[in-house]
Amino acid sequence: MTPSSPAPRLLVEERRRLIVELVEQQGRATVEELAQRFDISPVTIRADLEALARNAAIVRSHGGAVPAPAHAVDTPLSIKETRHHAQKRRIGQAAARLVEDGETIILDSGSTTIEIARALRTRQWSELTVITNGLHIALELGAIPAIRVMMLGGLLRASSHSLVGPGAEQMLAQLSADRLFLGVDGIAPEVGVTTPDPQEATLNALMIRAARETIGVFDSSKFGQRSLSVIAPLSSLHKIISDTGATPDYVQALEGAGVRVTLV
């Protein structure tokens, strides 16, 4: 490309992900502002906002959009992946660096753990075993010859692309792992880590029992949030990897509970 060439157009999904991030960072965004930022017509921006609103990624308002409540419902994975994507990517890369050749790890389903899987793809392995209940994670890693993927069976949760229920629980009860990377929807010192779905919480608790070390991986928007089902108290976590948006009081509370915190 020559210096005078125009910048390449963003793909639709890339643009919509950036729109969600901008709305959440600023607290609001207008159609005119977005059209100018992305150098496209207001008609196209309105179509983007309508599509994002249908998927609960944002809330449509007169002349623009405001952020959607992040923890009010069990948000689809496709929408979770648009939220705080840069932070989740950094967290995923930091978590992947902890994995050693020859280990067996558990990757919980989620929008942050998929970033761990993507980071694992970029490394050279002689052998690595990954246990997961996430279809998206299995598909991400399944084509790597040196990575053996063990998919937990069970009932498919379409919103999270994950498998849960007695089938997954029975299979997991026969397995053990070196590390668990656990993604959650909420963490509060007085409650612990939580998720919207009771079956997911039950399976996550069994993952903690199966692993020698449990590492929580989630962006700082999860601090102070609570979902319906409690997975485990803070004492069940050995480490947490989050982003630098975490407030000092939450970090202090976690470290006071014996959890090592890394911010990236």
Protein backbone atom coordinates (compact mmCIF):
# COMPACT_ATOMS: atom_id res chain seq x y z
CA MET A 1 0.00 0.00 0.00
CA THR A 2 1.36 3.45 -0.92
CA PRO A 3 1.29 6.34 1.59
CA SER A 4 -1.54 7.95 -0.34
CA SER A 5 -3.70 4.81 -0.38
CA PRO A 6 -6.90 4.98 1.67
CA ALA A 7 -7.06 2.98 4.91
CA PRO A 8 -8.72 -0.41 4.41
CA ARG A 9 -12.36 -0.69 5.42
CA LEU A 10 -13.14 -2.65 8.56
CA LEU A 11 -15.12 -5.83 8.24
CA VAL A 12 -18.67 -5.54 9.57
CA GLU A 13 -17.98 -7.68 12.65
CA GLU A 14 -14.79 -5.76 13.41
CA ARG A 15 -16.63 -2.45 13.19
CA ARG A 16 -19.47 -3.64 15.38
CA ARG A 17 -17.05 -4.93 18.01
CA LEU A 18 -15.38 -1.52 18.07
CA ILE A 19 -18.76 0.19 18.34
CA VAL A 20 -19.63 -1.87 21.43
CA GLU A 21 -16.25 -1.08 23.01
CA LEU A 22 -16.65 2.64 22.30
CA VAL A 23 -20.19 2.77 23.73
CA GLU A 24 -19.06 0.98 26.89
CA GLN A 25 -15.96 3.16 27.33
CA GLN A 26 -17.82 6.47 26.83
CA GLY A 27 -21.16 5.49 28.33
CA ARG A 28 -22.97 6.58 25.15
CA ALA A 29 -22.38 7.28 21.46
CA THR A 30 -24.40 9.10 18.82
CA VAL A 31 -25.06 8.01 15.25
CA GLU A 32 -23.29 11.11 13.92
CA GLU A 33 -20.23 10.51 16.08
CA LEU A 34 -19.94 6.89 15.00
CA ALA A 35 -20.48 7.69 11.33
CA GLN A 36 -17.68 10.23 11.45
CA ARG A 37 -15.33 7.94 13.37
CA PHE A 38 -15.75 5.00 10.96
CA ASP A 39 -16.17 7.15 7.84
CA ILE A 40 -19.42 5.49 6.81
CA SER A 41 -22.98 6.69 6.36
CA PRO A 42 -25.42 7.24 9.26
CA VAL A 43 -27.72 4.70 7.57
CA THR A 44 -25.05 2.00 7.93
CA ILE A 45 -24.38 2.96 11.54
CA ARG A 46 -28.09 2.75 12.34
CA ALA A 47 -28.16 -0.74 10.84
CA ASP A 48 -25.17 -1.70 13.00
CA LEU A 49 -26.85 -0.37 16.13
CA GLU A 50 -30.11 -2.17 15.38
CA ALA A 51 -28.22 -5.46 14.87
CA LEU A 52 -26.25 -5.00 18.09
CA ALA A 53 -29.40 -4.10 20.02
CA ARG A 54 -31.17 -7.25 18.78
CA ASN A 55 -28.30 -9.28 20.24
CA ALA A 56 -28.35 -7.33 23.55
CA ALA A 57 -24.83 -5.96 22.98
CA ILE A 58 -26.03 -2.36 23.43
CA VAL A 59 -29.29 -0.56 24.20
CA ARG A 60 -30.65 1.62 21.41
CA SER A 61 -31.44 5.19 22.42
CA HIS A 62 -32.73 8.21 20.54
CA GLY A 63 -29.97 9.23 18.14
CA GLY A 64 -27.47 6.64 19.32
CA ALA A 65 -26.81 3.91 21.88
CA VAL A 66 -25.92 3.30 25.54
CA PRO A 67 -24.29 0.23 27.15
CA ALA A 68 -26.35 -2.88 27.82
CA PRO A 69 -26.48 -4.25 31.38
CA ALA A 70 -23.60 -6.73 31.32
CA HIS A 71 -24.80 -9.11 34.02
CA ALA A 72 -28.58 -8.88 33.91
CA VAL A 73 -29.01 -12.04 31.84
CA ASP A 74 -27.02 -15.01 30.58
CA THR A 75 -25.51 -13.11 27.67
CA PRO A 76 -24.72 -15.09 24.49
CA LEU A 77 -21.05 -15.90 23.95
CA SER A 78 -20.99 -14.03 20.65
CA ILE A 79 -21.85 -10.84 22.53
CA LYS A 80 -19.50 -11.48 25.45
CA GLU A 81 -16.64 -11.73 22.98
CA THR A 82 -17.28 -8.14 21.84
CA ARG A 83 -16.95 -6.77 25.38
CA HIS A 84 -13.54 -5.72 26.72
CA HIS A 85 -11.89 -7.70 23.95
CA ALA A 86 -8.46 -6.06 24.23
CA GLN A 87 -8.33 -6.82 27.96
CA LYS A 88 -9.43 -10.41 27.45
CA ARG A 89 -6.77 -10.89 24.81
CA ARG A 90 -4.04 -9.69 27.19
CA ILE A 91 -5.39 -11.91 29.95
CA GLY A 92 -5.45 -14.89 27.59
CA GLN A 93 -1.87 -14.34 26.52
CA ALA A 94 -0.67 -14.00 30.13
CA ALA A 95 -2.54 -17.16 31.15
CA ALA A 96 -1.14 -19.16 28.24
CA ARG A 97 2.40 -18.30 29.34
CA LEU A 98 1.78 -20.23 32.57
CA VAL A 99 1.14 -23.48 30.71
CA GLU A 100 4.11 -25.84 30.47
CA ASP A 101 4.80 -28.52 27.90
CA GLY A 102 3.43 -31.91 28.89
CA GLU A 103 0.74 -30.56 31.20
CA THR A 104 -2.94 -31.39 31.35
CA ILE A 105 -5.11 -28.30 31.70
CA ILE A 106 -8.82 -27.58 31.91
CA LEU A 107 -10.22 -24.66 29.94
CA ASP A 108 -13.69 -23.62 31.05
CA SER A 109 -15.93 -22.33 28.27
CA GLY A 110 -16.04 -18.57 27.90
CA SER A 111 -15.01 -15.43 26.07
CA THR A 112 -11.75 -15.07 28.01
CA THR A 113 -10.72 -18.72 27.94
CA ILE A 114 -11.08 -18.77 24.15
CA GLU A 115 -8.32 -16.15 24.12
CA ILE A 116 -6.14 -18.58 26.08
CA ALA A 117 -6.82 -21.23 23.44
CA ARG A 118 -5.86 -18.80 20.67
CA ALA A 119 -2.62 -17.96 22.47
CA LEU A 120 -1.82 -21.66 22.95
CA ARG A 121 -2.09 -22.17 19.20
CA THR A 122 0.88 -19.86 18.62
CA ARG A 123 3.31 -21.93 20.73
CA GLN A 124 5.27 -25.08 19.90
CA TRP A 125 4.30 -28.15 21.90
CA SER A 126 5.63 -31.67 22.13
CA GLU A 127 2.51 -32.66 24.06
CA LEU A 128 -0.36 -30.85 25.75
CA THR A 129 -3.73 -32.17 26.91
CA VAL A 130 -6.69 -29.79 27.11
CA ILE A 131 -9.93 -30.80 28.81
CA THR A 132 -12.84 -28.52 27.99
CA ASN A 133 -16.61 -28.24 27.92
CA GLY A 134 -16.44 -25.45 25.32
CA LEU A 135 -17.22 -26.33 21.72
CA HIS A 136 -15.50 -23.15 20.49
CA ILE A 137 -12.34 -24.07 22.41
CA ALA A 138 -12.31 -27.62 21.06
CA LEU A 139 -12.66 -26.30 17.51
CA GLU A 140 -9.87 -23.77 18.10
CA LEU A 141 -7.38 -26.39 19.30
CA GLY A 142 -8.56 -29.56 17.60
CA ALA A 143 -6.45 -29.12 14.48
CA ILE A 144 -3.12 -28.85 16.38
CA PRO A 145 -1.46 -32.32 16.25
CA ALA A 146 0.50 -31.90 19.49
CA ILE A 147 -2.56 -30.82 21.48
CA ARG A 148 -4.87 -33.59 22.61
CA VAL A 149 -8.38 -32.24 23.23
CA MET A 150 -10.74 -34.08 25.57
CA MET A 151 -14.29 -32.82 25.11
CA LEU A 152 -16.68 -33.28 28.02
CA GLY A 153 -20.04 -34.67 26.94
CA GLY A 154 -23.40 -33.46 28.13
CA LEU A 155 -26.26 -31.08 27.39
CA LEU A 156 -25.48 -28.23 24.98
CA ARG A 157 -26.05 -24.69 26.25
CA ALA A 158 -26.47 -22.77 23.01
CA SER A 159 -25.88 -19.36 24.62
CA SER A 160 -22.39 -20.31 25.81
CA HIS A 161 -21.45 -23.04 23.30
CA SER A 162 -20.75 -25.24 26.33
CA LEU A 163 -21.70 -28.73 27.50
CA VAL A 164 -23.07 -29.24 31.01
CA GLY A 165 -25.13 -31.72 33.00
CA PRO A 166 -24.66 -35.27 34.36
CA GLY A 167 -22.78 -36.54 31.30
CA ALA A 168 -20.09 -33.88 31.60
CA GLU A 169 -19.95 -34.25 35.38
CA GLN A 170 -19.50 -38.03 35.25
CA MET A 171 -16.69 -37.78 32.71
CA LEU A 172 -14.92 -35.04 34.65
CA ALA A 173 -15.09 -37.07 37.87
CA GLN A 174 -12.70 -39.60 36.26
CA LEU A 175 -10.09 -37.00 35.26
CA SER A 176 -7.39 -34.87 36.88
CA ALA A 177 -5.43 -31.87 35.67
CA ASP A 178 -2.49 -29.67 36.52
CA ARG A 179 -4.31 -26.37 36.08
CA LEU A 180 -7.82 -25.03 35.61
CA PHE A 181 -8.41 -21.71 33.88
CA LEU A 182 -11.82 -20.58 35.07
CA GLY A 183 -13.86 -17.78 33.53
CA VAL A 184 -16.75 -16.36 35.57
CA ASP A 185 -19.50 -13.76 35.26
CA GLY A 186 -19.10 -12.25 38.69
CA ILE A 187 -16.76 -12.12 41.68
CA ALA A 188 -17.49 -10.59 45.08
CA PRO A 189 -15.37 -11.16 48.21
CA GLU A 190 -18.34 -11.96 50.42
CA VAL A 191 -19.85 -14.47 47.95
CA GLY A 192 -17.09 -15.86 45.76
CA VAL A 193 -17.22 -16.51 42.03
CA THR A 194 -20.56 -16.86 40.26
CA THR A 195 -22.19 -17.70 36.93
CA PRO A 196 -25.81 -17.40 35.69
CA ASP A 197 -26.46 -21.11 35.03
CA PRO A 198 -26.76 -23.63 37.94
CA GLN A 199 -25.54 -26.56 35.82
CA GLU A 200 -22.52 -24.57 34.68
CA ALA A 201 -21.77 -23.73 38.33
CA THR A 202 -21.92 -27.39 39.33
CA LEU A 203 -19.55 -28.39 36.54
CA ASN A 204 -17.17 -25.51 37.34
CA ALA A 205 -17.04 -26.63 40.98
CA LEU A 206 -16.06 -30.14 39.84
CA MET A 207 -13.37 -28.64 37.60
CA ILE A 208 -11.88 -26.97 40.69
CA ARG A 209 -11.81 -30.32 42.48
CA ALA A 210 -10.13 -32.01 39.51
CA ALA A 211 -7.28 -29.50 39.19
CA ARG A 212 -4.21 -29.01 41.36
CA GLU A 213 -4.29 -25.26 40.71
CA THR A 214 -7.22 -22.98 39.86
CA ILE A 215 -6.59 -19.71 38.03
CA GLY A 216 -9.46 -17.28 37.58
CA VAL A 217 -9.34 -15.38 34.29
CA PHE A 218 -11.73 -12.46 33.81
CA ASP A 219 -11.70 -8.77 33.00
CA SER A 220 -12.13 -6.14 35.70
CA SER A 221 -15.81 -5.50 34.85
CA LYS A 222 -16.60 -8.74 36.71
CA PHE A 223 -15.41 -7.36 40.07
CA GLY A 224 -18.30 -6.58 42.38
CA GLN A 225 -20.82 -8.39 40.16
CA ARG A 226 -23.00 -11.31 41.26
CA SER A 227 -24.78 -13.91 39.15
CA LEU A 228 -27.40 -16.45 40.19
CA SER A 229 -25.24 -19.48 40.96
CA VAL A 230 -22.22 -19.61 43.26
CA ILE A 231 -19.35 -21.70 41.91
CA ALA A 232 -16.98 -21.52 44.86
CA PRO A 233 -15.65 -19.19 47.56
CA LEU A 234 -12.54 -17.10 46.92
CA SER A 235 -10.48 -19.56 48.95
CA SER A 236 -10.86 -22.07 46.10
CA LEU A 237 -8.82 -19.84 43.76
CA HIS A 238 -5.03 -19.87 43.79
CA LYS A 239 -4.47 -17.06 41.29
CA ILE A 240 -6.42 -14.47 39.34
CA ILE A 241 -5.35 -12.82 36.10
CA SER A 242 -7.29 -9.65 35.28
CA ASP A 243 -6.66 -6.27 33.71
CA THR A 244 -5.38 -3.01 35.14
CA GLY A 245 -8.90 -1.63 35.44
CA ALA A 246 -9.30 -3.57 38.70
CA THR A 247 -9.61 -1.18 41.64
CA PRO A 248 -7.04 -1.38 44.48
CA ASP A 249 -9.68 -2.23 47.10
CA TYR A 250 -10.78 -5.33 45.19
CA VAL A 251 -7.19 -6.41 44.62
CA GLN A 252 -6.49 -5.95 48.32
CA ALA A 253 -9.58 -7.99 49.28
CA LEU A 254 -8.51 -10.83 46.99
CA GLU A 255 -4.95 -10.86 48.24
CA GLY A 256 -6.28 -10.78 51.79
CA ALA A 257 -8.16 -13.97 50.98
CA GLY A 258 -4.90 -15.61 49.91
CA VAL A 259 -5.36 -15.21 46.15
CA ARG A 260 -2.39 -14.07 44.05
CA VAL A 261 -3.48 -11.35 41.64
CA THR A 262 -1.78 -10.47 38.34
CA LEU A 263 -2.99 -7.45 36.35
CA VAL A 264 -2.10 -7.13 32.67
